[in-house]
Amino acid sequence: MKKVIFTLGLSLALASTAYAQSYNCQQGGLNATERTICQYSDLGYQDSEMARLWGLLTASDRNAMRAGQRQWLKERNWCGTDYSCIYTGSH
């Protein structure tokens, strides 16, 4: 299930419409990756879609995947300001 959600999030067809990310870009304390996501509508779309898909999971599924989610966020946040790294999920 984790790979399905991750794959869906990364292989979405990106629309030209601007999308909001799943967090407030105006709040303080954002890391470099989050600030970079705020700068690009396609990254914001991917982020909001991942949050939407996460929300569709049952509480049991989210609990089972929580460690994987933390690892994925750690790897994503390693990208910092590197757009390509954030977009593709590879560094």
N, C-alpha and C. Protein backbone atom coordinates (compact mmCIF):
# COMPACT_ATOMS: atom_id res chain seq x y z
N MET A 1 0.82 -1.19 0.00
CA MET A 1 0.00 0.00 0.00
C MET A 1 0.87 1.26 0.00
N LYS A 2 1.96 1.26 0.78
CA LYS A 2 2.85 2.42 0.86
C LYS A 2 3.42 2.75 -0.52
N LYS A 3 3.88 1.73 -1.25
CA LYS A 3 4.46 1.97 -2.56
C LYS A 3 3.42 2.49 -3.53
N VAL A 4 2.19 2.01 -3.41
CA VAL A 4 1.12 2.47 -4.29
C VAL A 4 0.89 3.97 -4.08
N ILE A 5 0.78 4.40 -2.84
CA ILE A 5 0.53 5.81 -2.56
C ILE A 5 1.71 6.66 -3.00
N PHE A 6 2.91 6.23 -2.71
CA PHE A 6 4.10 6.97 -3.10
C PHE A 6 4.15 7.09 -4.62
N THR A 7 3.91 5.99 -5.32
CA THR A 7 3.94 5.99 -6.78
C THR A 7 2.86 6.88 -7.34
N LEU A 8 1.66 6.79 -6.79
CA LEU A 8 0.58 7.67 -7.25
C LEU A 8 0.96 9.12 -7.07
N GLY A 9 1.53 9.45 -5.95
CA GLY A 9 1.90 10.83 -5.66
C GLY A 9 2.96 11.35 -6.61
N LEU A 10 3.88 10.50 -7.01
CA LEU A 10 4.96 10.95 -7.88
C LEU A 10 4.63 10.89 -9.36
N SER A 11 3.63 10.09 -9.73
CA SER A 11 3.35 9.93 -11.15
C SER A 11 2.06 10.62 -11.58
N LEU A 12 1.59 11.56 -10.80
CA LEU A 12 0.38 12.29 -11.14
C LEU A 12 0.61 13.14 -12.38
N ALA A 13 -0.41 13.24 -13.20
CA ALA A 13 -0.34 14.19 -14.32
C ALA A 13 -0.52 15.57 -13.72
N LEU A 14 0.44 16.44 -13.93
CA LEU A 14 0.40 17.74 -13.30
C LEU A 14 -0.39 18.72 -14.14
N ALA A 15 -1.35 19.35 -13.52
CA ALA A 15 -2.17 20.35 -14.21
C ALA A 15 -1.48 21.70 -14.17
N SER A 16 -1.86 22.59 -15.06
CA SER A 16 -1.24 23.91 -15.09
C SER A 16 -1.85 24.84 -14.05
N THR A 17 -2.94 24.46 -13.45
CA THR A 17 -3.57 25.26 -12.41
C THR A 17 -2.72 25.22 -11.15
N ALA A 18 -2.67 26.35 -10.45
CA ALA A 18 -1.92 26.40 -9.20
C ALA A 18 -2.71 25.67 -8.12
N TYR A 19 -2.02 24.90 -7.31
CA TYR A 19 -2.62 24.17 -6.21
C TYR A 19 -1.93 24.57 -4.92
N ALA A 20 -2.69 24.53 -3.87
CA ALA A 20 -2.11 24.82 -2.55
C ALA A 20 -1.49 23.55 -2.00
N GLN A 21 -0.43 23.68 -1.26
CA GLN A 21 0.17 22.54 -0.61
C GLN A 21 -0.64 22.22 0.65
N SER A 22 -0.25 21.17 1.31
CA SER A 22 -1.03 20.69 2.46
C SER A 22 -0.73 21.45 3.74
N TYR A 23 0.11 22.47 3.69
CA TYR A 23 0.46 23.26 4.87
C TYR A 23 0.49 24.74 4.46
N ASN A 24 0.49 25.60 5.44
CA ASN A 24 0.46 27.03 5.22
C ASN A 24 1.87 27.55 4.94
N CYS A 25 2.09 28.05 3.75
CA CYS A 25 3.42 28.55 3.37
C CYS A 25 3.79 29.83 4.10
N GLN A 26 2.82 30.49 4.70
CA GLN A 26 3.08 31.74 5.41
C GLN A 26 3.54 31.51 6.85
N GLN A 27 3.40 30.28 7.33
CA GLN A 27 3.80 30.01 8.71
C GLN A 27 5.31 29.95 8.83
N GLY A 28 5.80 30.28 9.98
CA GLY A 28 7.23 30.19 10.22
C GLY A 28 7.64 28.75 10.48
N GLY A 29 8.93 28.51 10.48
CA GLY A 29 9.45 27.20 10.84
C GLY A 29 9.44 26.16 9.74
N LEU A 30 9.18 26.57 8.50
CA LEU A 30 9.23 25.61 7.40
C LEU A 30 10.68 25.29 7.07
N ASN A 31 10.93 24.04 6.72
CA ASN A 31 12.29 23.67 6.33
C ASN A 31 12.52 24.07 4.86
N ALA A 32 13.74 23.91 4.38
CA ALA A 32 14.10 24.33 3.02
C ALA A 32 13.26 23.62 1.96
N THR A 33 12.98 22.34 2.15
CA THR A 33 12.18 21.60 1.18
C THR A 33 10.76 22.13 1.15
N GLU A 34 10.17 22.37 2.30
CA GLU A 34 8.81 22.91 2.35
C GLU A 34 8.75 24.29 1.69
N ARG A 35 9.73 25.13 1.94
CA ARG A 35 9.76 26.45 1.30
C ARG A 35 9.88 26.32 -0.22
N THR A 36 10.66 25.35 -0.68
CA THR A 36 10.80 25.12 -2.12
C THR A 36 9.48 24.63 -2.70
N ILE A 37 8.81 23.73 -2.03
CA ILE A 37 7.49 23.25 -2.48
C ILE A 37 6.52 24.42 -2.61
N CYS A 38 6.61 25.37 -1.70
CA CYS A 38 5.74 26.55 -1.74
C CYS A 38 5.99 27.40 -2.99
N GLN A 39 7.16 27.32 -3.56
CA GLN A 39 7.51 28.17 -4.71
C GLN A 39 7.03 27.62 -6.05
N TYR A 40 6.65 26.34 -6.12
CA TYR A 40 6.31 25.71 -7.39
C TYR A 40 4.93 25.07 -7.31
N SER A 41 4.04 25.47 -8.22
CA SER A 41 2.67 24.95 -8.18
C SER A 41 2.61 23.45 -8.41
N ASP A 42 3.50 22.90 -9.25
CA ASP A 42 3.45 21.46 -9.49
C ASP A 42 3.88 20.68 -8.25
N LEU A 43 4.86 21.18 -7.52
CA LEU A 43 5.25 20.52 -6.27
C LEU A 43 4.14 20.67 -5.22
N GLY A 44 3.51 21.84 -5.19
CA GLY A 44 2.39 22.05 -4.28
C GLY A 44 1.25 21.10 -4.57
N TYR A 45 1.00 20.87 -5.86
CA TYR A 45 -0.04 19.93 -6.26
C TYR A 45 0.30 18.51 -5.78
N GLN A 46 1.53 18.10 -6.01
CA GLN A 46 1.94 16.76 -5.57
C GLN A 46 1.77 16.63 -4.05
N ASP A 47 2.19 17.66 -3.32
CA ASP A 47 2.08 17.62 -1.87
C ASP A 47 0.63 17.52 -1.43
N SER A 48 -0.25 18.33 -2.01
CA SER A 48 -1.65 18.29 -1.60
C SER A 48 -2.31 16.97 -2.00
N GLU A 49 -1.90 16.41 -3.14
CA GLU A 49 -2.46 15.12 -3.56
C GLU A 49 -1.98 14.00 -2.65
N MET A 50 -0.73 14.03 -2.24
CA MET A 50 -0.24 13.02 -1.29
C MET A 50 -1.01 13.12 0.03
N ALA A 51 -1.26 14.34 0.49
CA ALA A 51 -2.02 14.53 1.73
C ALA A 51 -3.45 14.01 1.55
N ARG A 52 -4.05 14.25 0.38
CA ARG A 52 -5.40 13.75 0.11
C ARG A 52 -5.43 12.23 0.13
N LEU A 53 -4.47 11.61 -0.53
CA LEU A 53 -4.41 10.15 -0.57
C LEU A 53 -4.18 9.57 0.83
N TRP A 54 -3.31 10.22 1.61
CA TRP A 54 -3.06 9.79 2.99
C TRP A 54 -4.37 9.84 3.78
N GLY A 55 -5.15 10.87 3.55
CA GLY A 55 -6.42 11.02 4.25
C GLY A 55 -7.45 9.97 3.87
N LEU A 56 -7.30 9.35 2.72
CA LEU A 56 -8.24 8.30 2.30
C LEU A 56 -7.98 6.97 3.00
N LEU A 57 -6.79 6.83 3.57
CA LEU A 57 -6.45 5.59 4.25
C LEU A 57 -7.23 5.47 5.56
N THR A 58 -7.47 4.25 5.96
CA THR A 58 -8.08 4.04 7.26
C THR A 58 -7.06 4.35 8.34
N ALA A 59 -7.54 4.61 9.54
CA ALA A 59 -6.63 4.89 10.66
C ALA A 59 -5.68 3.73 10.87
N SER A 60 -6.17 2.52 10.70
CA SER A 60 -5.33 1.33 10.86
C SER A 60 -4.21 1.31 9.81
N ASP A 61 -4.55 1.61 8.57
CA ASP A 61 -3.54 1.65 7.51
C ASP A 61 -2.52 2.75 7.77
N ARG A 62 -2.99 3.94 8.19
CA ARG A 62 -2.05 5.03 8.49
C ARG A 62 -1.11 4.64 9.62
N ASN A 63 -1.63 4.00 10.64
CA ASN A 63 -0.78 3.56 11.76
C ASN A 63 0.26 2.56 11.28
N ALA A 64 -0.15 1.65 10.41
CA ALA A 64 0.77 0.63 9.90
C ALA A 64 1.86 1.25 9.02
N MET A 65 1.55 2.37 8.38
CA MET A 65 2.48 3.00 7.45
C MET A 65 3.24 4.17 8.06
N ARG A 66 3.00 4.49 9.31
CA ARG A 66 3.57 5.69 9.92
C ARG A 66 5.11 5.72 9.86
N ALA A 67 5.76 4.61 10.14
CA ALA A 67 7.23 4.58 10.09
C ALA A 67 7.73 4.83 8.67
N GLY A 68 7.06 4.26 7.70
CA GLY A 68 7.43 4.49 6.30
C GLY A 68 7.22 5.93 5.90
N GLN A 69 6.15 6.54 6.40
CA GLN A 69 5.89 7.95 6.11
C GLN A 69 7.00 8.83 6.68
N ARG A 70 7.40 8.54 7.91
CA ARG A 70 8.48 9.32 8.53
C ARG A 70 9.78 9.20 7.72
N GLN A 71 10.08 8.00 7.26
CA GLN A 71 11.30 7.79 6.46
C GLN A 71 11.19 8.52 5.14
N TRP A 72 10.02 8.47 4.51
CA TRP A 72 9.82 9.16 3.24
C TRP A 72 9.99 10.67 3.42
N LEU A 73 9.43 11.23 4.49
CA LEU A 73 9.58 12.66 4.76
C LEU A 73 11.04 13.03 5.01
N LYS A 74 11.75 12.16 5.73
CA LYS A 74 13.17 12.41 5.99
C LYS A 74 13.94 12.46 4.67
N GLU A 75 13.67 11.52 3.78
CA GLU A 75 14.34 11.48 2.49
C GLU A 75 13.93 12.67 1.63
N ARG A 76 12.65 13.03 1.63
CA ARG A 76 12.19 14.18 0.87
C ARG A 76 12.85 15.46 1.38
N ASN A 77 12.90 15.60 2.69
CA ASN A 77 13.47 16.81 3.28
C ASN A 77 14.97 16.91 3.06
N TRP A 78 15.63 15.81 2.78
CA TRP A 78 17.06 15.82 2.46
C TRP A 78 17.30 16.63 1.18
N CYS A 79 16.30 16.73 0.31
CA CYS A 79 16.44 17.43 -0.97
C CYS A 79 16.70 18.91 -0.80
N GLY A 80 16.25 19.50 0.28
CA GLY A 80 16.46 20.93 0.48
C GLY A 80 15.81 21.75 -0.62
N THR A 81 16.61 22.56 -1.32
CA THR A 81 16.08 23.43 -2.37
C THR A 81 16.21 22.83 -3.76
N ASP A 82 16.58 21.57 -3.86
CA ASP A 82 16.77 20.90 -5.15
C ASP A 82 15.42 20.46 -5.73
N TYR A 83 14.91 21.27 -6.67
CA TYR A 83 13.60 20.99 -7.27
C TYR A 83 13.52 19.58 -7.85
N SER A 84 14.50 19.19 -8.65
CA SER A 84 14.50 17.89 -9.30
C SER A 84 14.45 16.75 -8.29
N CYS A 85 15.18 16.88 -7.24
CA CYS A 85 15.20 15.87 -6.18
C CYS A 85 13.81 15.75 -5.54
N ILE A 86 13.18 16.87 -5.25
CA ILE A 86 11.84 16.85 -4.66
C ILE A 86 10.85 16.26 -5.63
N TYR A 87 10.91 16.69 -6.89
CA TYR A 87 9.95 16.27 -7.90
C TYR A 87 10.02 14.77 -8.18
N THR A 88 11.23 14.25 -8.29
CA THR A 88 11.39 12.83 -8.65
C THR A 88 11.49 11.92 -7.43
N GLY A 89 11.79 12.49 -6.28
CA GLY A 89 11.95 11.67 -5.08
C GLY A 89 13.25 10.91 -5.05
N SER A 90 14.20 11.32 -5.89
CA SER A 90 15.50 10.63 -5.87
C SER A 90 16.62 11.65 -5.74
N HIS A 91 17.61 11.25 -4.98
CA HIS A 91 18.78 12.12 -4.77
C HIS A 91 20.04 11.33 -4.89
